[in-house]
């Protein structure tokens, strides 16, 4: 389905009173995305989704194939098909390669896809909730709370829950930050955009300082290095037991956001217009803020802080398919998955056998790209 290029979004059905593409376009223009598509038509939506799905498949194939032991792409697919059902592919490879594919690289690639998809979807929802093009999953202070919990476990060498000690502590820190930001933003009984952003930024700064203080005052250099690498983001050491919880949370959270895509679209037209069309803006924002923060807390608990994914990719998605969240959220999940799989592959291979924290690479790529996007939007 094609749209007028100048509008920058799709028409959004809102019951008896429609919000036209021009109306939503004004809201999305404030997010700095609609202007970039002026003067050209977008590709068909089905073609964009098919292309993004193919991109995920290609990135996942290379992510599984590359490493200290290189495995041909056709052999990767043969192992995966054989693992699904022995009749789908004949076993012509050494058993050690099947172990590498199914037990070492596949869970890491899947977690990359989950984290990338979750951060992108959460970033897109946050940009609509606060109507700010600079909003991203790191804005709310939740990731900084997770950092404090994780650093405490690493510095104090807490192993009470075994391998789950670090993710659980990170999630508890994220949850504590969520509660604090929520009550600070609801000062006076109402949660406004300005209060939410200010409370999130203030909480993030305070908790980042606490995490840094814990790191610099540690007497063990190995614990300090582990804490720093976690804070920079990474997915090394992923196992199947770690994958399922964030995968379930991201899947459920994305499904809920798709279910409320109409109210999210209404917010693009402004709070007054959304309220006039029957949306309880303050209650809706509080509920979605809680959902998105829980998604971010779960993701950061297993991956550390990976910046710029939830800031940059939502803008790219809107350039491709428009600002209608019914169309943008599935595309955001696919693009985020492909991007982080590729970034993690680069982190593993660029300085092999050393591994670069993936958060460094996403920042190096995301920063210049965002500056270019701002210049393009301004023109």
Protein backbone atom coordinates (compact mmCIF):
# COMPACT_ATOMS: atom_id res chain seq x y z
CA UNK A 1 0.00 0.00 0.00
CA UNK A 2 1.51 3.37 -1.02
CA UNK A 3 1.10 6.72 0.71
CA UNK A 4 1.65 10.32 -0.26
CA UNK A 5 5.30 10.90 0.35
CA UNK A 6 4.81 14.33 1.84
CA UNK A 7 2.61 13.02 4.62
CA UNK A 8 5.25 10.71 6.05
CA UNK A 9 2.78 8.32 7.71
CA UNK A 10 -0.20 6.16 7.00
CA UNK A 11 -3.83 7.01 7.73
CA UNK A 12 -4.78 5.70 11.16
CA UNK A 13 -8.27 4.44 11.83
CA UNK A 14 -9.63 5.76 15.11
CA UNK A 15 -13.19 4.61 15.24
CA UNK A 16 -15.89 7.02 14.07
CA UNK A 17 -13.51 9.98 13.93
CA UNK A 18 -10.53 9.28 11.68
CA UNK A 19 -7.13 10.77 12.23
CA UNK A 20 -5.82 11.42 8.75
CA UNK A 21 -2.33 10.80 7.50
CA UNK A 22 -1.75 14.56 7.47
CA UNK A 23 -2.74 14.84 11.14
CA UNK A 24 -0.49 12.03 12.28
CA UNK A 25 2.19 13.33 9.94
CA UNK A 26 2.34 16.52 11.98
CA UNK A 27 2.97 14.46 15.09
CA UNK A 28 5.58 12.28 13.45
CA UNK A 29 7.27 15.35 12.03
CA UNK A 30 8.03 16.30 15.63
CA UNK A 31 9.93 13.02 15.93
CA UNK A 32 12.12 14.06 13.04
CA UNK A 33 11.25 11.16 10.75
CA UNK A 34 8.54 12.14 8.30
CA UNK A 35 10.54 14.83 6.57
CA UNK A 36 13.22 12.40 5.43
CA UNK A 37 10.88 10.61 3.05
CA UNK A 38 9.64 13.73 1.31
CA UNK A 39 9.81 13.45 -2.44
CA UNK A 40 9.93 9.67 -2.83
CA UNK A 41 7.57 6.75 -2.54
CA UNK A 42 8.15 3.90 -0.12
CA UNK A 43 8.52 0.27 -1.06
CA UNK A 44 5.46 -1.97 -0.59
CA UNK A 45 5.09 -3.00 3.04
CA UNK A 46 5.10 -6.74 2.30
CA UNK A 47 8.32 -6.36 0.32
CA UNK A 48 9.97 -4.47 3.20
CA UNK A 49 8.98 -7.17 5.71
CA UNK A 50 10.21 -9.92 3.39
CA UNK A 51 13.51 -8.11 2.89
CA UNK A 52 14.00 -7.61 6.62
CA UNK A 53 13.16 -11.25 7.35
CA UNK A 54 15.71 -12.33 4.73
CA UNK A 55 18.23 -9.97 6.33
CA UNK A 56 17.67 -11.64 9.70
CA UNK A 57 18.17 -15.10 8.14
CA UNK A 58 21.40 -14.04 6.40
CA UNK A 59 22.78 -12.34 9.51
CA UNK A 60 21.91 -15.37 11.67
CA UNK A 61 23.56 -17.74 9.19
CA UNK A 62 26.81 -15.78 9.21
CA UNK A 63 26.57 -15.31 12.97
CA UNK A 64 26.45 -19.09 13.47
CA UNK A 65 28.99 -19.91 10.76
CA UNK A 66 31.74 -17.48 11.78
CA UNK A 67 34.07 -18.00 14.69
CA UNK A 68 37.30 -19.71 15.70
CA UNK A 69 36.00 -22.75 13.82
CA UNK A 70 34.45 -21.66 10.52
CA UNK A 71 31.47 -23.75 9.44
CA UNK A 72 30.10 -23.54 5.86
CA UNK A 73 26.65 -21.94 5.57
CA UNK A 74 25.09 -25.01 3.92
CA UNK A 75 26.43 -27.17 6.75
CA UNK A 76 24.93 -24.77 9.31
CA UNK A 77 21.49 -25.18 7.78
CA UNK A 78 22.01 -28.93 7.48
CA UNK A 79 22.81 -29.18 11.19
CA UNK A 80 19.80 -27.05 12.12
CA UNK A 81 17.44 -29.08 9.93
CA UNK A 82 18.86 -32.34 11.23
CA UNK A 83 18.39 -31.05 14.78
CA UNK A 84 14.73 -30.34 14.04
CA UNK A 85 14.20 -33.80 12.52
CA UNK A 86 16.85 -36.32 11.43
CA UNK A 87 14.99 -37.03 8.18
CA UNK A 88 15.40 -33.43 6.97
CA UNK A 89 19.18 -33.69 6.45
CA UNK A 90 21.79 -36.46 6.38
CA UNK A 91 24.48 -36.23 9.06
CA UNK A 92 27.76 -35.70 7.18
CA UNK A 93 29.60 -33.50 9.69
CA UNK A 94 31.69 -34.23 12.80
CA UNK A 95 29.71 -34.28 16.08
CA UNK A 96 31.83 -31.44 17.47
CA UNK A 97 30.49 -29.08 14.80
CA UNK A 98 26.92 -29.89 15.73
CA UNK A 99 27.76 -29.08 19.35
CA UNK A 100 29.31 -25.76 18.31
CA UNK A 101 26.25 -24.80 16.26
CA UNK A 102 23.45 -25.94 18.57
CA UNK A 103 24.94 -25.38 22.03
CA UNK A 104 27.37 -22.47 21.60
CA UNK A 105 26.50 -20.18 18.70
CA UNK A 106 22.77 -20.69 18.13
CA UNK A 107 21.68 -19.54 21.63
CA UNK A 108 23.92 -16.48 21.35
CA UNK A 109 22.52 -15.54 17.95
CA UNK A 110 18.96 -16.02 19.18
CA UNK A 111 19.62 -13.84 22.23
CA UNK A 112 21.13 -11.19 19.94
CA UNK A 113 17.92 -11.25 17.89
CA UNK A 114 15.76 -11.01 21.02
CA UNK A 115 17.77 -8.14 22.54
CA UNK A 116 17.95 -6.20 19.27
CA UNK A 117 14.24 -6.62 18.58
CA UNK A 118 13.28 -5.71 22.14
CA UNK A 119 15.43 -2.58 22.31
CA UNK A 120 14.15 -1.32 18.95
CA UNK A 121 10.50 -1.96 19.76
CA UNK A 122 10.90 -0.39 23.21
CA UNK A 123 12.64 2.64 21.72
CA UNK A 124 9.86 3.15 19.17
CA UNK A 125 7.20 2.95 21.87
CA UNK A 126 9.08 5.37 24.14
CA UNK A 127 9.47 7.92 21.35
CA UNK A 128 5.70 7.87 20.88
CA UNK A 129 4.95 7.96 24.62
CA UNK A 130 7.11 11.00 25.37
CA UNK A 131 6.85 12.47 21.84
CA UNK A 132 10.58 13.01 21.75
CA UNK A 133 12.84 11.82 18.90
CA UNK A 134 15.78 11.48 21.33
CA UNK A 135 13.99 9.04 23.64
CA UNK A 136 15.58 5.62 23.89
CA UNK A 137 15.58 2.67 26.34
CA UNK A 138 18.44 4.24 28.32
CA UNK A 139 16.37 7.36 29.02
CA UNK A 140 14.29 6.00 31.90
CA UNK A 141 17.12 5.13 34.28
CA UNK A 142 16.13 1.45 34.19
CA UNK A 143 19.37 0.36 32.54
CA UNK A 144 21.41 2.32 35.11
CA UNK A 145 19.52 0.55 37.90
CA UNK A 146 20.36 -2.77 36.28
CA UNK A 147 24.01 -1.71 36.16
CA UNK A 148 24.08 -1.05 39.89
CA UNK A 149 22.62 -4.49 40.64
CA UNK A 150 25.03 -6.25 38.28
CA UNK A 151 28.09 -4.36 39.51
CA UNK A 152 27.21 -5.20 43.12
CA UNK A 153 27.15 -8.91 42.25
CA UNK A 154 30.42 -8.74 40.32
CA UNK A 155 32.32 -6.61 42.82
CA UNK A 156 31.07 -8.46 45.92
CA UNK A 157 31.31 -11.86 44.17
CA UNK A 158 27.76 -12.87 45.06
CA UNK A 159 26.91 -16.39 43.84
CA UNK A 160 23.78 -17.11 45.85
CA UNK A 161 21.74 -18.08 42.78
CA UNK A 162 24.55 -19.55 40.72
CA UNK A 163 24.60 -18.50 37.05
CA UNK A 164 21.38 -16.51 37.56
CA UNK A 165 22.88 -14.29 40.27
CA UNK A 166 23.96 -11.53 37.90
CA UNK A 167 20.79 -11.38 35.69
CA UNK A 168 18.57 -11.54 38.75
CA UNK A 169 20.45 -8.76 40.55
CA UNK A 170 20.41 -6.64 37.39
CA UNK A 171 16.67 -7.11 37.00
CA UNK A 172 16.05 -6.24 40.67
CA UNK A 173 18.10 -3.06 40.21
CA UNK A 174 16.11 -2.20 37.09
CA UNK A 175 12.84 -2.82 38.93
CA UNK A 176 13.90 -0.58 41.82
CA UNK A 177 14.81 2.19 39.37
CA UNK A 178 11.45 1.73 37.62
CA UNK A 179 9.54 2.17 40.88
CA UNK A 180 11.55 5.26 41.81
CA UNK A 181 11.10 6.92 38.42
CA UNK A 182 7.40 6.04 38.37
CA UNK A 183 6.66 7.71 41.71
CA UNK A 184 8.87 10.71 40.96
CA UNK A 185 7.10 11.22 37.62
CA UNK A 186 3.68 10.92 39.24
CA UNK A 187 4.31 13.77 41.66
CA UNK A 188 0.99 15.54 42.05
CA UNK A 189 -1.00 12.51 40.91
CA UNK A 190 -0.37 12.87 37.17
CA UNK A 191 2.45 11.59 34.97
CA UNK A 192 3.45 14.19 32.41
CA UNK A 193 6.02 13.85 29.65
CA UNK A 194 8.32 16.44 31.17
CA UNK A 195 8.26 14.80 34.61
CA UNK A 196 8.88 11.37 33.12
CA UNK A 197 11.89 12.50 31.12
CA UNK A 198 13.38 14.58 33.94
CA UNK A 199 12.87 11.83 36.53
CA UNK A 200 14.41 9.25 34.19
CA UNK A 201 17.43 11.38 33.32
CA UNK A 202 18.05 12.31 36.97
CA UNK A 203 17.74 8.69 38.12
CA UNK A 204 20.04 7.51 35.33
CA UNK A 205 22.74 10.02 36.31
CA UNK A 206 22.57 9.15 40.01
CA UNK A 207 22.62 5.38 39.45
CA UNK A 208 25.41 5.64 36.86
CA UNK A 209 27.47 7.51 39.44
CA UNK A 210 26.76 4.80 42.03
CA UNK A 211 27.82 2.07 39.61
CA UNK A 212 31.00 3.95 38.71
CA UNK A 213 31.79 4.48 42.39
CA UNK A 214 31.45 0.74 43.05
CA UNK A 215 33.79 -0.01 40.17
CA UNK A 216 36.55 2.46 41.07
CA UNK A 217 36.54 1.52 44.76
CA UNK A 218 36.90 -2.20 44.10
CA UNK A 219 40.25 -3.63 45.18
CA UNK A 220 40.14 -6.56 42.74
CA UNK A 221 41.20 -5.57 39.18
CA UNK A 222 39.60 -8.71 37.71
CA UNK A 223 36.23 -7.88 39.24
CA UNK A 224 36.60 -4.29 38.07
CA UNK A 225 37.31 -5.43 34.52
CA UNK A 226 34.33 -7.80 34.57
CA UNK A 227 32.04 -5.02 35.78
CA UNK A 228 33.30 -2.60 33.13
CA UNK A 229 32.81 -5.13 30.32
CA UNK A 230 29.28 -5.84 31.52
CA UNK A 231 28.45 -2.14 31.60
CA UNK A 232 29.65 -1.81 28.00
CA UNK A 233 27.27 -4.56 26.86
CA UNK A 234 27.96 -8.03 25.54
CA UNK A 235 26.47 -11.45 24.99
CA UNK A 236 29.43 -13.74 25.64
CA UNK A 237 28.72 -16.94 27.51
CA UNK A 238 25.06 -17.16 26.46
CA UNK A 239 23.41 -20.51 27.18
CA UNK A 240 19.96 -21.89 26.43
CA UNK A 241 18.84 -21.31 30.03
CA UNK A 242 19.37 -17.55 29.63
CA UNK A 243 17.53 -17.18 26.32
CA UNK A 244 13.97 -18.19 27.17
CA UNK A 245 12.96 -15.58 29.75
CA UNK A 246 13.95 -12.47 27.72
CA UNK A 247 12.52 -14.11 24.58
CA UNK A 248 9.15 -14.61 26.27
CA UNK A 249 9.14 -11.08 27.73
CA UNK A 250 10.01 -9.44 24.40
CA UNK A 251 7.45 -11.53 22.51
CA UNK A 252 4.64 -10.74 24.97
CA UNK A 253 5.63 -7.07 25.22
CA UNK A 254 5.71 -6.65 21.44
CA UNK A 255 2.31 -8.35 21.11
CA UNK A 256 0.83 -5.99 23.71
CA UNK A 257 2.31 -2.95 21.95
CA UNK A 258 0.82 -4.14 18.66
CA UNK A 259 -2.52 -4.46 20.42
CA UNK A 260 -2.37 -0.82 21.53
CA UNK A 261 -0.90 0.54 18.30
CA UNK A 262 -4.00 2.71 17.71
CA UNK A 263 -3.55 4.68 20.98
CA UNK A 264 0.17 4.98 20.22
CA UNK A 265 -0.73 6.46 16.83
CA UNK A 266 -3.10 8.91 18.52
CA UNK A 267 -0.27 10.19 20.72
CA UNK A 268 1.61 11.22 17.56
CA UNK A 269 -1.16 13.75 16.88
CA UNK A 270 -0.71 15.32 20.34
CA UNK A 271 -2.09 14.79 23.82
CA UNK A 272 -5.02 17.14 23.29
CA UNK A 273 -6.12 15.44 20.08
CA UNK A 274 -5.72 11.98 21.65
CA UNK A 275 -7.77 13.00 24.70
CA UNK A 276 -10.46 14.50 22.45
CA UNK A 277 -10.76 11.14 20.70
CA UNK A 278 -11.37 9.32 23.97
CA UNK A 279 -7.89 8.22 25.10
CA UNK A 280 -7.06 8.50 28.80
CA UNK A 281 -3.56 9.77 28.07
CA UNK A 282 -2.17 9.74 31.60
CA UNK A 283 -3.38 6.25 32.47
CA UNK A 284 -2.28 4.88 29.10
CA UNK A 285 1.17 6.46 29.40
CA UNK A 286 1.66 5.09 32.92
CA UNK A 287 0.70 1.54 31.84
CA UNK A 288 2.89 1.60 28.73
CA UNK A 289 5.79 3.13 30.66
CA UNK A 290 5.65 0.22 33.10
CA UNK A 291 5.48 -2.37 30.31
CA UNK A 292 8.37 -0.86 28.34
CA UNK A 293 10.49 -0.46 31.47
CA UNK A 294 9.98 -4.13 32.40
CA UNK A 295 11.01 -5.14 28.87
CA UNK A 296 14.14 -2.99 29.10
CA UNK A 297 15.00 -4.29 32.56
CA UNK A 298 14.76 -7.90 31.40
CA UNK A 299 16.88 -7.20 28.32
CA UNK A 300 19.60 -5.24 30.12
CA UNK A 301 19.79 -7.95 32.79
CA UNK A 302 21.12 -10.44 30.22
CA UNK A 303 23.01 -8.16 27.83
CA UNK A 304 24.35 -5.18 29.75
CA UNK A 305 23.93 -1.65 28.43
CA UNK A 306 23.79 -1.61 24.62
CA UNK A 307 23.18 1.93 23.48
CA UNK A 308 21.87 3.57 20.31
CA UNK A 309 19.91 0.52 19.09
CA UNK A 310 16.63 1.80 20.52
CA UNK A 311 17.40 5.37 19.44
CA UNK A 312 18.53 4.98 15.83
CA UNK A 313 16.62 2.02 14.42
CA UNK A 314 13.09 3.35 15.10
CA UNK A 315 13.93 6.32 12.88
CA UNK A 316 15.17 4.02 10.13
CA UNK A 317 11.98 1.96 10.36
CA UNK A 318 9.80 5.06 10.02
CA UNK A 319 11.75 6.03 6.91
CA UNK A 320 10.94 2.60 5.46
CA UNK A 321 7.30 2.04 6.42
CA UNK A 322 5.97 5.22 8.03
CA UNK A 323 4.93 6.05 11.57
CA UNK A 324 1.83 3.84 11.87
CA UNK A 325 2.77 1.48 14.71
CA UNK A 326 0.69 -1.35 13.26
CA UNK A 327 3.18 -1.49 10.41
CA UNK A 328 6.27 -0.11 12.12
CA UNK A 329 6.52 -2.41 15.15
CA UNK A 330 6.93 -5.72 13.20
CA UNK A 331 9.49 -4.06 10.94
CA UNK A 332 11.29 -2.64 13.99
CA UNK A 333 11.56 -6.09 15.58
CA UNK A 334 13.06 -7.60 12.41
CA UNK A 335 15.50 -4.74 11.77
CA UNK A 336 16.63 -4.68 15.40
CA UNK A 337 17.25 -8.43 15.37
CA UNK A 338 19.30 -8.30 12.16
CA UNK A 339 21.30 -5.27 13.31
CA UNK A 340 22.37 -6.68 16.66
CA UNK A 341 23.23 -10.09 15.21
CA UNK A 342 25.51 -8.32 12.71
CA UNK A 343 26.98 -6.06 15.42
CA UNK A 344 27.71 -9.03 17.67
CA UNK A 345 29.32 -10.88 14.76
CA UNK A 346 31.60 -7.90 14.16
CA UNK A 347 32.39 -7.70 17.89
CA UNK A 348 33.49 -11.35 17.86
CA UNK A 349 35.56 -11.28 14.67
CA UNK A 350 37.14 -7.84 14.19
CA UNK A 351 39.85 -8.40 16.83
CA UNK A 352 39.70 -12.18 17.13
CA UNK A 353 40.52 -13.88 19.46
CA UNK A 354 39.73 -10.80 21.57
CA UNK A 355 36.07 -9.75 21.74
CA UNK A 356 34.97 -6.12 21.60
CA UNK A 357 32.00 -5.20 23.83
CA UNK A 358 29.09 -4.89 21.42
CA UNK A 359 27.93 -1.67 23.10
CA UNK A 360 31.08 0.04 21.84
CA UNK A 361 30.35 -0.95 18.25
CA UNK A 362 26.70 0.13 18.37
CA UNK A 363 27.79 3.53 19.71
CA UNK A 364 30.49 3.91 17.03
CA UNK A 365 27.96 3.10 14.30
CA UNK A 366 24.93 4.78 15.85
CA UNK A 367 26.46 8.13 16.74
CA UNK A 368 27.63 9.17 13.24
CA UNK A 369 24.49 7.71 11.66
CA UNK A 370 22.28 9.74 13.98
CA UNK A 371 24.18 12.93 13.12
CA UNK A 372 23.72 12.16 9.43
CA UNK A 373 20.01 11.53 10.00
CA UNK A 374 19.65 14.87 11.79
CA UNK A 375 21.31 16.72 8.89
CA UNK A 376 19.13 14.89 6.37
CA UNK A 377 15.97 15.73 8.33
CA UNK A 378 17.00 19.38 8.61
CA UNK A 379 17.45 19.62 4.83
